[in-house]
Amino acid sequence: MDHLDELEAESIYILREAYKNLGKLGLLWSIGKDSTVLLWLVKKAFYGHTPFPFIHVDTSFEMPEVIEYRDKTAKELNLDLIVYTNEQAVKDGMNLNWAV
């Protein structure tokens, strides 16, 4: 077993122990590389199943293609996806307008 295999095995062990001992978990998913690796590890740790929701905080700063990828991936992987948008911040102009 090489070093990366050991790190993967330890990560899977930690995810399983956290779920067993804490029960109600949620994983923040920014759609970035780090949180997408965690998504992959969860799928591997629970034999293709994701026993807790993935939470995306939509800042409205993402390009439309990122949101399309998020939705497509969530559907393909059968994720319980929770999306939260701070509507007040968007209303107050704290967002990017990609259509411009």
N, C-alpha and C. Protein backbone atom coordinates (compact mmCIF):
# COMPACT_ATOMS: atom_id res chain seq x y z
N MET A 1 0.86 -1.18 0.00
CA MET A 1 0.00 0.00 0.00
C MET A 1 0.91 1.24 0.00
N ASP A 2 0.70 2.11 -0.98
CA ASP A 2 1.54 3.31 -1.03
C ASP A 2 0.92 4.42 -0.16
N HIS A 3 1.60 5.53 -0.11
CA HIS A 3 1.20 6.62 0.78
C HIS A 3 -0.20 7.15 0.45
N LEU A 4 -0.51 7.31 -0.82
CA LEU A 4 -1.85 7.81 -1.20
C LEU A 4 -2.94 6.83 -0.82
N ASP A 5 -2.67 5.54 -0.96
CA ASP A 5 -3.65 4.52 -0.55
C ASP A 5 -3.89 4.60 0.96
N GLU A 6 -2.84 4.81 1.71
CA GLU A 6 -2.98 4.94 3.17
C GLU A 6 -3.81 6.17 3.54
N LEU A 7 -3.55 7.28 2.87
CA LEU A 7 -4.33 8.49 3.14
C LEU A 7 -5.80 8.29 2.78
N GLU A 8 -6.05 7.64 1.66
CA GLU A 8 -7.42 7.36 1.27
C GLU A 8 -8.11 6.47 2.30
N ALA A 9 -7.45 5.41 2.72
CA ALA A 9 -8.02 4.49 3.70
C ALA A 9 -8.31 5.20 5.02
N GLU A 10 -7.41 6.06 5.44
CA GLU A 10 -7.62 6.81 6.69
C GLU A 10 -8.79 7.78 6.55
N SER A 11 -8.90 8.42 5.39
CA SER A 11 -10.01 9.35 5.15
C SER A 11 -11.35 8.62 5.17
N ILE A 12 -11.40 7.46 4.54
CA ILE A 12 -12.62 6.66 4.52
C ILE A 12 -12.98 6.22 5.93
N TYR A 13 -11.99 5.80 6.70
CA TYR A 13 -12.22 5.41 8.10
C TYR A 13 -12.81 6.58 8.89
N ILE A 14 -12.25 7.77 8.73
CA ILE A 14 -12.73 8.95 9.47
C ILE A 14 -14.17 9.27 9.08
N LEU A 15 -14.49 9.22 7.79
CA LEU A 15 -15.85 9.49 7.35
C LEU A 15 -16.84 8.49 7.94
N ARG A 16 -16.49 7.23 7.93
CA ARG A 16 -17.39 6.19 8.48
C ARG A 16 -17.56 6.36 9.99
N GLU A 17 -16.47 6.65 10.69
CA GLU A 17 -16.55 6.85 12.14
C GLU A 17 -17.38 8.08 12.49
N ALA A 18 -17.20 9.15 11.74
CA ALA A 18 -17.98 10.37 11.99
C ALA A 18 -19.46 10.09 11.80
N TYR A 19 -19.79 9.39 10.73
CA TYR A 19 -21.20 9.07 10.47
C TYR A 19 -21.76 8.16 11.56
N LYS A 20 -20.99 7.17 11.95
CA LYS A 20 -21.44 6.22 12.98
C LYS A 20 -21.65 6.92 14.33
N ASN A 21 -20.73 7.81 14.69
CA ASN A 21 -20.77 8.42 16.01
C ASN A 21 -21.60 9.70 16.08
N LEU A 22 -21.70 10.41 14.99
CA LEU A 22 -22.42 11.68 15.01
C LEU A 22 -23.79 11.60 14.33
N GLY A 23 -23.93 10.66 13.43
CA GLY A 23 -25.22 10.45 12.78
C GLY A 23 -25.56 11.50 11.74
N LYS A 24 -26.11 12.59 12.19
CA LYS A 24 -26.62 13.60 11.26
C LYS A 24 -25.48 14.50 10.78
N LEU A 25 -25.02 14.23 9.57
CA LEU A 25 -23.94 15.00 8.98
C LEU A 25 -24.42 15.70 7.72
N GLY A 26 -23.66 16.65 7.29
CA GLY A 26 -23.83 17.29 5.99
C GLY A 26 -22.44 17.69 5.52
N LEU A 27 -22.23 17.65 4.22
CA LEU A 27 -20.92 18.00 3.68
C LEU A 27 -21.07 19.23 2.80
N LEU A 28 -20.31 20.26 3.10
CA LEU A 28 -20.32 21.44 2.26
C LEU A 28 -19.64 21.11 0.94
N TRP A 29 -20.29 21.48 -0.15
CA TRP A 29 -19.76 21.20 -1.48
C TRP A 29 -19.69 22.50 -2.25
N SER A 30 -18.49 23.01 -2.40
CA SER A 30 -18.29 24.28 -3.11
C SER A 30 -18.21 24.06 -4.62
N ILE A 31 -18.16 22.82 -5.03
CA ILE A 31 -17.99 22.38 -6.41
C ILE A 31 -16.52 22.53 -6.83
N GLY A 32 -15.68 22.90 -5.89
CA GLY A 32 -14.25 23.00 -6.17
C GLY A 32 -13.58 21.64 -6.07
N LYS A 33 -12.30 21.63 -6.35
CA LYS A 33 -11.57 20.36 -6.40
C LYS A 33 -11.51 19.65 -5.05
N ASP A 34 -11.30 20.38 -3.97
CA ASP A 34 -11.16 19.75 -2.66
C ASP A 34 -12.47 19.11 -2.19
N SER A 35 -13.57 19.87 -2.29
CA SER A 35 -14.83 19.31 -1.83
C SER A 35 -15.35 18.23 -2.78
N THR A 36 -14.94 18.27 -4.05
CA THR A 36 -15.33 17.21 -4.98
C THR A 36 -14.57 15.93 -4.67
N VAL A 37 -13.34 16.05 -4.20
CA VAL A 37 -12.61 14.86 -3.74
C VAL A 37 -13.32 14.27 -2.52
N LEU A 38 -13.80 15.11 -1.61
CA LEU A 38 -14.55 14.60 -0.46
C LEU A 38 -15.81 13.88 -0.90
N LEU A 39 -16.49 14.42 -1.90
CA LEU A 39 -17.68 13.76 -2.44
C LEU A 39 -17.30 12.36 -2.93
N TRP A 40 -16.21 12.26 -3.67
CA TRP A 40 -15.75 10.98 -4.18
C TRP A 40 -15.41 10.02 -3.03
N LEU A 41 -14.77 10.54 -1.99
CA LEU A 41 -14.43 9.70 -0.83
C LEU A 41 -15.68 9.20 -0.11
N VAL A 42 -16.70 10.06 0.00
CA VAL A 42 -17.95 9.64 0.64
C VAL A 42 -18.58 8.51 -0.17
N LYS A 43 -18.63 8.66 -1.49
CA LYS A 43 -19.19 7.61 -2.34
C LYS A 43 -18.42 6.29 -2.14
N LYS A 44 -17.12 6.40 -2.02
CA LYS A 44 -16.30 5.19 -1.84
C LYS A 44 -16.49 4.61 -0.43
N ALA A 45 -16.57 5.47 0.56
CA ALA A 45 -16.71 5.01 1.95
C ALA A 45 -18.03 4.30 2.19
N PHE A 46 -19.07 4.71 1.48
CA PHE A 46 -20.39 4.14 1.71
C PHE A 46 -20.89 3.35 0.51
N TYR A 47 -19.94 2.77 -0.22
CA TYR A 47 -20.23 1.82 -1.30
C TYR A 47 -21.20 2.39 -2.34
N GLY A 48 -20.92 3.63 -2.77
CA GLY A 48 -21.71 4.26 -3.82
C GLY A 48 -22.90 5.05 -3.33
N HIS A 49 -23.21 4.94 -2.06
CA HIS A 49 -24.34 5.65 -1.46
C HIS A 49 -23.83 6.89 -0.73
N THR A 50 -24.62 7.92 -0.68
CA THR A 50 -24.27 9.09 0.13
C THR A 50 -25.35 9.23 1.21
N PRO A 51 -25.04 8.84 2.44
CA PRO A 51 -26.06 8.77 3.49
C PRO A 51 -26.40 10.11 4.14
N PHE A 52 -25.81 11.17 3.66
CA PHE A 52 -26.11 12.49 4.23
C PHE A 52 -26.10 13.51 3.09
N PRO A 53 -26.70 14.67 3.33
CA PRO A 53 -26.81 15.66 2.24
C PRO A 53 -25.50 16.40 1.96
N PHE A 54 -25.43 16.88 0.75
CA PHE A 54 -24.36 17.78 0.32
C PHE A 54 -24.96 19.16 0.23
N ILE A 55 -24.26 20.14 0.77
CA ILE A 55 -24.80 21.50 0.89
C ILE A 55 -23.95 22.44 0.06
N HIS A 56 -24.61 23.14 -0.85
CA HIS A 56 -23.91 24.14 -1.66
C HIS A 56 -24.46 25.51 -1.31
N VAL A 57 -23.57 26.40 -0.90
CA VAL A 57 -23.94 27.79 -0.65
C VAL A 57 -23.71 28.54 -1.95
N ASP A 58 -24.81 28.87 -2.62
CA ASP A 58 -24.75 29.53 -3.91
C ASP A 58 -24.58 31.03 -3.67
N THR A 59 -23.38 31.52 -3.93
CA THR A 59 -23.07 32.93 -3.72
C THR A 59 -23.53 33.80 -4.89
N SER A 60 -23.96 33.15 -5.95
CA SER A 60 -24.33 33.76 -7.23
C SER A 60 -23.08 34.31 -7.94
N PHE A 61 -21.90 33.96 -7.46
CA PHE A 61 -20.66 34.36 -8.11
C PHE A 61 -20.22 33.33 -9.16
N GLU A 62 -20.81 32.14 -9.12
CA GLU A 62 -20.42 31.08 -10.04
C GLU A 62 -20.95 31.35 -11.44
N MET A 63 -20.18 30.94 -12.43
CA MET A 63 -20.63 31.03 -13.80
C MET A 63 -21.76 30.02 -14.01
N PRO A 64 -22.66 30.27 -14.93
CA PRO A 64 -23.78 29.35 -15.16
C PRO A 64 -23.33 27.92 -15.44
N GLU A 65 -22.20 27.74 -16.09
CA GLU A 65 -21.70 26.41 -16.39
C GLU A 65 -21.37 25.62 -15.11
N VAL A 66 -20.95 26.32 -14.08
CA VAL A 66 -20.64 25.66 -12.80
C VAL A 66 -21.92 25.13 -12.18
N ILE A 67 -22.97 25.92 -12.23
CA ILE A 67 -24.26 25.50 -11.68
C ILE A 67 -24.82 24.33 -12.50
N GLU A 68 -24.65 24.38 -13.80
CA GLU A 68 -25.08 23.25 -14.65
C GLU A 68 -24.33 21.98 -14.26
N TYR A 69 -23.02 22.10 -14.04
CA TYR A 69 -22.22 20.95 -13.62
C TYR A 69 -22.70 20.43 -12.27
N ARG A 70 -22.96 21.34 -11.33
CA ARG A 70 -23.45 20.95 -10.00
C ARG A 70 -24.73 20.13 -10.12
N ASP A 71 -25.69 20.65 -10.87
CA ASP A 71 -26.98 20.00 -10.99
C ASP A 71 -26.88 18.66 -11.71
N LYS A 72 -26.07 18.62 -12.76
CA LYS A 72 -25.88 17.38 -13.52
C LYS A 72 -25.22 16.32 -12.64
N THR A 73 -24.17 16.71 -11.93
CA THR A 73 -23.45 15.77 -11.06
C THR A 73 -24.35 15.27 -9.93
N ALA A 74 -25.09 16.17 -9.32
CA ALA A 74 -26.00 15.78 -8.23
C ALA A 74 -27.03 14.76 -8.72
N LYS A 75 -27.53 14.99 -9.91
CA LYS A 75 -28.52 14.05 -10.47
C LYS A 75 -27.88 12.71 -10.79
N GLU A 76 -26.74 12.74 -11.47
CA GLU A 76 -26.06 11.50 -11.85
C GLU A 76 -25.65 10.66 -10.65
N LEU A 77 -25.22 11.32 -9.57
CA LEU A 77 -24.75 10.61 -8.38
C LEU A 77 -25.86 10.41 -7.34
N ASN A 78 -27.06 10.86 -7.68
CA ASN A 78 -28.21 10.72 -6.78
C ASN A 78 -27.93 11.34 -5.41
N LEU A 79 -27.39 12.56 -5.43
CA LEU A 79 -27.07 13.25 -4.18
C LEU A 79 -28.30 13.90 -3.59
N ASP A 80 -28.36 13.91 -2.28
CA ASP A 80 -29.32 14.74 -1.57
C ASP A 80 -28.65 16.11 -1.49
N LEU A 81 -29.01 17.01 -2.42
CA LEU A 81 -28.35 18.30 -2.53
C LEU A 81 -29.22 19.39 -1.94
N ILE A 82 -28.64 20.14 -1.03
CA ILE A 82 -29.30 21.31 -0.45
C ILE A 82 -28.57 22.53 -0.98
N VAL A 83 -29.30 23.44 -1.60
CA VAL A 83 -28.71 24.66 -2.13
C VAL A 83 -29.27 25.83 -1.34
N TYR A 84 -28.38 26.66 -0.83
CA TYR A 84 -28.79 27.85 -0.10
C TYR A 84 -28.24 29.08 -0.80
N THR A 85 -29.08 30.06 -1.00
CA THR A 85 -28.67 31.35 -1.55
C THR A 85 -29.09 32.44 -0.57
N ASN A 86 -28.17 33.32 -0.24
CA ASN A 86 -28.51 34.45 0.61
C ASN A 86 -29.22 35.48 -0.26
N GLU A 87 -30.53 35.38 -0.30
CA GLU A 87 -31.33 36.23 -1.18
C GLU A 87 -31.18 37.71 -0.83
N GLN A 88 -31.01 38.01 0.45
CA GLN A 88 -30.87 39.42 0.85
C GLN A 88 -29.58 40.00 0.28
N ALA A 89 -28.51 39.23 0.31
CA ALA A 89 -27.24 39.71 -0.25
C ALA A 89 -27.37 39.93 -1.75
N VAL A 90 -28.03 39.02 -2.44
CA VAL A 90 -28.24 39.18 -3.87
C VAL A 90 -29.08 40.43 -4.14
N LYS A 91 -30.13 40.58 -3.36
CA LYS A 91 -31.01 41.75 -3.50
C LYS A 91 -30.24 43.05 -3.26
N ASP A 92 -29.30 43.01 -2.34
CA ASP A 92 -28.50 44.20 -2.01
C ASP A 92 -27.35 44.42 -3.01
N GLY A 93 -27.27 43.59 -4.03
CA GLY A 93 -26.27 43.78 -5.07
C GLY A 93 -24.94 43.11 -4.82
N MET A 94 -24.89 42.20 -3.86
CA MET A 94 -23.62 41.53 -3.55
C MET A 94 -23.49 40.26 -4.38
N ASN A 95 -23.55 40.42 -5.69
CA ASN A 95 -23.40 39.28 -6.58
C ASN A 95 -22.80 39.74 -7.89
N LEU A 96 -22.45 38.80 -8.71
CA LEU A 96 -21.94 39.11 -10.04
C LEU A 96 -23.05 38.84 -11.04
N ASN A 97 -23.10 39.63 -12.06
CA ASN A 97 -24.07 39.41 -13.11
C ASN A 97 -23.31 38.87 -14.32
N TRP A 98 -23.39 37.55 -14.54
CA TRP A 98 -22.64 36.91 -15.61
C TRP A 98 -23.23 37.22 -16.98
N ALA A 99 -24.44 37.72 -17.01
CA ALA A 99 -25.08 38.01 -18.29
C ALA A 99 -24.54 39.29 -18.93
N VAL A 100 -23.81 40.10 -18.18
CA VAL A 100 -23.30 41.39 -18.70
C VAL A 100 -22.13 41.15 -19.62
